Amino acid sequence: MNKKARPADNIYLLLAFGMMALLFYSTSMGYEDQNVQPFLHQWLEGEPLRGLLERVEFMYAGSEISIAANGYIGFLEFFIRKGAHFVAYFLLGLFWFLGLRNRVNQPWLTVLIALLLTAGYASFDELRQAFHPNRTALMEDVMLDTAGAIVGIATAFFTKPQGRRRKKVRFKS
């Protein structure tokens, strides 16, 4: 079956490039420019769910992540930041897959190309952060980004596209 690219496919590719530009801009900033802790202090003054969250403790990139180690606000900010990683690369993987699915004849090859483009960009972005004085490059972030991409690509792969449906016109005789 020979597939033909549609105008929507070009939009998805533009969205993928736009997402990459947004990620590049975002990771070019220092931590201070992206610090959400003042907002969290204001919104979560009473520390809701502290009792429940105090039980959560794990290691990430060789550091303990817990309320005891990071404080309540720092602990929540960790999840916001890592959630942003996951969602951003979910969207990037999704957009790459949707933009390429009608340009590549084999579905498995479309999945592979979209995954390699997304994981490759995640690796490049983390490597670039290693040279920024106020950023840290983490292999764990590349793995988290790749997991987001896999979920985004799988979502697009297993979701049946809803094309335009033509209404049947019936004539009375």
C-alpha atoms as a PDB file:
ATOM      1  CA  MET A   1       0.000   0.000   0.000  1.00  0.00           C
ATOM      2  CA  ASN A   2       1.433   3.330  -1.038  1.00  0.00           C
ATOM      3  CA  LYS A   3       0.611   6.034   1.449  1.00  0.00           C
ATOM      4  CA  LYS A   4       0.161   9.667   0.586  1.00  0.00           C
ATOM      5  CA  ALA A   5       1.018  12.512   2.929  1.00  0.00           C
ATOM      6  CA  ARG A   6      -1.837  14.853   3.790  1.00  0.00           C
ATOM      7  CA  PRO A   7      -1.702  18.543   4.754  1.00  0.00           C
ATOM      8  CA  ALA A   8      -2.353  17.577   8.395  1.00  0.00           C
ATOM      9  CA  ASP A   9       0.869  15.544   8.334  1.00  0.00           C
ATOM     10  CA  ASN A  10       2.803  18.721   7.595  1.00  0.00           C
ATOM     11  CA  ILE A  11       1.151  20.416  10.553  1.00  0.00           C
ATOM     12  CA  TYR A  12       2.233  17.569  12.837  1.00  0.00           C
ATOM     13  CA  LEU A  13       5.813  17.899  11.588  1.00  0.00           C
ATOM     14  CA  LEU A  14       5.688  21.648  12.231  1.00  0.00           C
ATOM     15  CA  LEU A  15       4.387  20.920  15.729  1.00  0.00           C
ATOM     16  CA  ALA A  16       7.303  18.515  16.285  1.00  0.00           C
ATOM     17  CA  PHE A  17       9.815  21.173  15.210  1.00  0.00           C
ATOM     18  CA  GLY A  18       7.988  23.754  17.319  1.00  0.00           C
ATOM     19  CA  MET A  19       8.149  21.439  20.326  1.00  0.00           C
ATOM     20  CA  MET A  20      11.878  20.975  19.764  1.00  0.00           C
ATOM     21  CA  ALA A  21      12.361  24.748  19.611  1.00  0.00           C
ATOM     22  CA  LEU A  22      10.364  25.178  22.820  1.00  0.00           C
ATOM     23  CA  LEU A  23      12.436  22.494  24.555  1.00  0.00           C
ATOM     24  CA  PHE A  24      15.663  24.088  23.305  1.00  0.00           C
ATOM     25  CA  TYR A  25      14.592  27.477  24.646  1.00  0.00           C
ATOM     26  CA  SER A  26      13.416  26.025  27.946  1.00  0.00           C
ATOM     27  CA  THR A  27      16.587  24.066  28.599  1.00  0.00           C
ATOM     28  CA  SER A  28      18.747  27.050  27.663  1.00  0.00           C
ATOM     29  CA  MET A  29      17.473  28.854  30.749  1.00  0.00           C
ATOM     30  CA  GLY A  30      19.071  28.451  34.132  1.00  0.00           C
ATOM     31  CA  TYR A  31      17.263  26.835  37.032  1.00  0.00           C
ATOM     32  CA  GLU A  32      16.642  30.243  38.638  1.00  0.00           C
ATOM     33  CA  ASP A  33      14.644  31.369  35.598  1.00  0.00           C
ATOM     34  CA  GLN A  34      12.354  28.336  35.865  1.00  0.00           C
ATOM     35  CA  ASN A  35      12.003  28.127  39.636  1.00  0.00           C
ATOM     36  CA  VAL A  36       8.339  27.538  40.504  1.00  0.00           C
ATOM     37  CA  GLN A  37       8.914  27.225  44.245  1.00  0.00           C
ATOM     38  CA  PRO A  38       7.690  30.783  45.072  1.00  0.00           C
ATOM     39  CA  PHE A  39       4.368  30.015  43.360  1.00  0.00           C
ATOM     40  CA  LEU A  40       4.100  26.671  45.131  1.00  0.00           C
ATOM     41  CA  HIS A  41       4.760  28.332  48.502  1.00  0.00           C
ATOM     42  CA  GLN A  42       1.933  30.759  47.774  1.00  0.00           C
ATOM     43  CA  TRP A  43      -0.546  28.138  46.505  1.00  0.00           C
ATOM     44  CA  LEU A  44       0.250  25.377  48.973  1.00  0.00           C
ATOM     45  CA  GLU A  45       0.800  27.359  52.132  1.00  0.00           C
ATOM     46  CA  GLY A  46      -0.906  24.812  54.376  1.00  0.00           C
ATOM     47  CA  GLU A  47       1.081  21.904  52.854  1.00  0.00           C
ATOM     48  CA  PRO A  48      -1.911  19.749  51.938  1.00  0.00           C
ATOM     49  CA  LEU A  49      -1.257  15.997  51.682  1.00  0.00           C
ATOM     50  CA  ARG A  50       2.023  16.325  53.602  1.00  0.00           C
ATOM     51  CA  GLY A  51       1.131  13.395  55.869  1.00  0.00           C
ATOM     52  CA  LEU A  52       0.496  11.151  52.878  1.00  0.00           C
ATOM     53  CA  LEU A  53       3.523  12.316  50.872  1.00  0.00           C
ATOM     54  CA  GLU A  54       5.986  12.003  53.781  1.00  0.00           C
ATOM     55  CA  ARG A  55       5.945   8.246  53.240  1.00  0.00           C
ATOM     56  CA  VAL A  56       7.234   8.577  49.660  1.00  0.00           C
ATOM     57  CA  GLU A  57      10.981   8.197  49.363  1.00  0.00           C
ATOM     58  CA  PHE A  58      13.137   7.007  46.444  1.00  0.00           C
ATOM     59  CA  MET A  59      16.440   7.588  44.652  1.00  0.00           C
ATOM     60  CA  TYR A  60      16.716   9.519  41.380  1.00  0.00           C
ATOM     61  CA  ALA A  61      20.099  10.089  39.723  1.00  0.00           C
ATOM     62  CA  GLY A  62      21.891   9.159  42.936  1.00  0.00           C
ATOM     63  CA  SER A  63      19.947  11.609  45.104  1.00  0.00           C
ATOM     64  CA  GLU A  64      17.254  10.896  47.643  1.00  0.00           C
ATOM     65  CA  ILE A  65      13.881  12.330  46.700  1.00  0.00           C
ATOM     66  CA  SER A  66      11.698  12.809  49.756  1.00  0.00           C
ATOM     67  CA  ILE A  67      10.128  15.557  51.817  1.00  0.00           C
ATOM     68  CA  ALA A  68      12.838  15.052  54.443  1.00  0.00           C
ATOM     69  CA  ALA A  69      15.610  15.582  51.875  1.00  0.00           C
ATOM     70  CA  ASN A  70      14.008  18.212  49.610  1.00  0.00           C
ATOM     71  CA  GLY A  71      11.373  19.878  51.744  1.00  0.00           C
ATOM     72  CA  TYR A  72       7.685  19.817  50.903  1.00  0.00           C
ATOM     73  CA  ILE A  73       7.865  22.379  48.090  1.00  0.00           C
ATOM     74  CA  GLY A  74      11.091  20.971  46.614  1.00  0.00           C
ATOM     75  CA  PHE A  75       9.551  17.501  46.630  1.00  0.00           C
ATOM     76  CA  LEU A  76       6.488  18.703  44.720  1.00  0.00           C
ATOM     77  CA  GLU A  77       8.619  20.737  42.323  1.00  0.00           C
ATOM     78  CA  PHE A  78      10.567  17.573  41.471  1.00  0.00           C
ATOM     79  CA  PHE A  79       7.344  15.912  40.268  1.00  0.00           C
ATOM     80  CA  ILE A  80       6.275  19.008  38.335  1.00  0.00           C
ATOM     81  CA  ARG A  81       9.637  19.170  36.556  1.00  0.00           C
ATOM     82  CA  LYS A  82       9.755  15.462  35.766  1.00  0.00           C
ATOM     83  CA  GLY A  83       6.108  15.511  34.716  1.00  0.00           C
ATOM     84  CA  ALA A  84       6.947  18.341  32.316  1.00  0.00           C
ATOM     85  CA  HIS A  85       9.771  16.193  30.880  1.00  0.00           C
ATOM     86  CA  PHE A  86       7.422  13.280  30.341  1.00  0.00           C
ATOM     87  CA  VAL A  87       4.617  15.344  28.788  1.00  0.00           C
ATOM     88  CA  ALA A  88       6.925  17.347  26.510  1.00  0.00           C
ATOM     89  CA  TYR A  89       8.510  14.230  25.048  1.00  0.00           C
ATOM     90  CA  PHE A  90       5.134  12.456  24.929  1.00  0.00           C
ATOM     91  CA  LEU A  91       3.996  15.270  22.625  1.00  0.00           C
ATOM     92  CA  LEU A  92       7.225  15.257  20.623  1.00  0.00           C
ATOM     93  CA  GLY A  93       6.993  11.504  20.003  1.00  0.00           C
ATOM     94  CA  LEU A  94       3.296  11.806  19.173  1.00  0.00           C
ATOM     95  CA  PHE A  95       3.884  14.636  16.680  1.00  0.00           C
ATOM     96  CA  TRP A  96       6.788  12.841  14.995  1.00  0.00           C
ATOM     97  CA  PHE A  97       4.733   9.675  14.609  1.00  0.00           C
ATOM     98  CA  LEU A  98       1.648  11.489  13.295  1.00  0.00           C
ATOM     99  CA  GLY A  99       3.737  13.552  10.892  1.00  0.00           C
ATOM    100  CA  LEU A 100       5.547  10.512   9.501  1.00  0.00           C
ATOM    101  CA  ARG A 101       2.878   7.804   9.460  1.00  0.00           C
ATOM    102  CA  ASN A 102       1.652   8.652   5.944  1.00  0.00           C
ATOM    103  CA  ARG A 103       5.183   9.182   4.608  1.00  0.00           C
ATOM    104  CA  VAL A 104       6.642   5.808   5.605  1.00  0.00           C
ATOM    105  CA  ASN A 105       5.151   2.603   4.217  1.00  0.00           C
ATOM    106  CA  GLN A 106       5.922   0.313   7.159  1.00  0.00           C
ATOM    107  CA  PRO A 107       4.205   1.101  10.494  1.00  0.00           C
ATOM    108  CA  TRP A 108       7.058  -0.440  12.524  1.00  0.00           C
ATOM    109  CA  LEU A 109       9.537   1.764  10.646  1.00  0.00           C
ATOM    110  CA  THR A 110       7.440   4.841  11.427  1.00  0.00           C
ATOM    111  CA  VAL A 111       7.517   3.879  15.119  1.00  0.00           C
ATOM    112  CA  LEU A 112      11.274   3.337  15.002  1.00  0.00           C
ATOM    113  CA  ILE A 113      12.024   6.628  13.213  1.00  0.00           C
ATOM    114  CA  ALA A 114       9.764   8.634  15.546  1.00  0.00           C
ATOM    115  CA  LEU A 115      11.363   6.989  18.583  1.00  0.00           C
ATOM    116  CA  LEU A 116      14.923   7.539  17.333  1.00  0.00           C
ATOM    117  CA  LEU A 117      14.217  11.187  16.499  1.00  0.00           C
ATOM    118  CA  THR A 118      12.713  11.818  19.921  1.00  0.00           C
ATOM    119  CA  ALA A 119      15.245   9.872  21.976  1.00  0.00           C
ATOM    120  CA  GLY A 120      18.053  11.378  19.916  1.00  0.00           C
ATOM    121  CA  TYR A 121      16.800  14.868  20.622  1.00  0.00           C
ATOM    122  CA  ALA A 122      16.458  14.073  24.340  1.00  0.00           C
ATOM    123  CA  SER A 123      20.074  12.881  24.365  1.00  0.00           C
ATOM    124  CA  PHE A 124      21.268  15.954  22.473  1.00  0.00           C
ATOM    125  CA  ASP A 125      19.373  18.248  24.822  1.00  0.00           C
ATOM    126  CA  GLU A 126      20.811  16.636  27.951  1.00  0.00           C
ATOM    127  CA  LEU A 127      24.311  16.744  26.467  1.00  0.00           C
ATOM    128  CA  ARG A 128      23.856  20.437  25.708  1.00  0.00           C
ATOM    129  CA  GLN A 129      22.796  21.029  29.310  1.00  0.00           C
ATOM    130  CA  ALA A 130      26.120  19.590  30.484  1.00  0.00           C
ATOM    131  CA  PHE A 131      27.781  22.723  29.101  1.00  0.00           C
ATOM    132  CA  HIS A 132      25.344  25.147  30.761  1.00  0.00           C
ATOM    133  CA  PRO A 133      26.684  26.434  34.096  1.00  0.00           C
ATOM    134  CA  ASN A 134      23.331  26.244  35.923  1.00  0.00           C
ATOM    135  CA  ARG A 135      22.000  22.982  34.470  1.00  0.00           C
ATOM    136  CA  THR A 136      22.645  19.302  35.061  1.00  0.00           C
ATOM    137  CA  ALA A 137      22.723  16.598  32.410  1.00  0.00           C
ATOM    138  CA  LEU A 138      21.158  13.355  33.638  1.00  0.00           C
ATOM    139  CA  MET A 139      20.894  10.025  31.863  1.00  0.00           C
ATOM    140  CA  GLU A 140      17.790   9.384  33.980  1.00  0.00           C
ATOM    141  CA  ASP A 141      16.123  12.368  32.280  1.00  0.00           C
ATOM    142  CA  VAL A 142      16.899  10.890  28.857  1.00  0.00           C
ATOM    143  CA  MET A 143      15.254   7.633  29.976  1.00  0.00           C
ATOM    144  CA  LEU A 144      12.235   9.539  31.330  1.00  0.00           C
ATOM    145  CA  ASP A 145      11.973  11.525  28.089  1.00  0.00           C
ATOM    146  CA  THR A 146      12.206   8.329  26.042  1.00  0.00           C
ATOM    147  CA  ALA A 147       9.478   6.724  28.170  1.00  0.00           C
ATOM    148  CA  GLY A 148       7.258   9.739  27.442  1.00  0.00           C
ATOM    149  CA  ALA A 149       8.009   9.362  23.734  1.00  0.00           C
ATOM    150  CA  ILE A 150       7.178   5.649  23.799  1.00  0.00           C
ATOM    151  CA  VAL A 151       3.809   6.345  25.424  1.00  0.00           C
ATOM    152  CA  GLY A 152       3.076   9.151  22.936  1.00  0.00           C
ATOM    153  CA  ILE A 153       4.003   7.017  19.940  1.00  0.00           C
ATOM    154  CA  ALA A 154       2.049   4.033  21.282  1.00  0.00           C
ATOM    155  CA  THR A 155      -0.982   6.250  21.865  1.00  0.00           C
ATOM    156  CA  ALA A 156      -0.881   7.412  18.246  1.00  0.00           C
ATOM    157  CA  PHE A 157      -0.125   3.926  16.923  1.00  0.00           C
ATOM    158  CA  PHE A 158      -2.996   2.212  18.715  1.00  0.00           C
ATOM    159  CA  THR A 159      -5.546   4.976  18.208  1.00  0.00           C
ATOM    160  CA  LYS A 160      -7.542   4.598  15.037  1.00  0.00           C
ATOM    161  CA  PRO A 161      -7.572   7.842  13.045  1.00  0.00           C
ATOM    162  CA  GLN A 162     -10.990   9.389  12.750  1.00  0.00           C
ATOM    163  CA  GLY A 163     -11.196  10.585   9.173  1.00  0.00           C
ATOM    164  CA  ARG A 164     -14.003  12.521   7.631  1.00  0.00           C
ATOM    165  CA  ARG A 165     -17.090  10.470   7.142  1.00  0.00           C
ATOM    166  CA  ARG A 166     -19.286  11.115   4.207  1.00  0.00           C
ATOM    167  CA  LYS A 167     -22.938  11.228   4.825  1.00  0.00           C
ATOM    168  CA  LYS A 168     -24.906   8.925   2.659  1.00  0.00           C
ATOM    169  CA  VAL A 169     -27.485  10.760   0.675  1.00  0.00           C
ATOM    170  CA  ARG A 170     -30.569   8.772   0.022  1.00  0.00           C
ATOM    171  CA  PHE A 171     -33.016   9.779  -2.598  1.00  0.00           C
ATOM    172  CA  LYS A 172     -36.643   8.882  -2.281  1.00  0.00           C
ATOM    173  CA  SER A 173     -38.169   7.547  -5.401  1.00  0.00           C
END
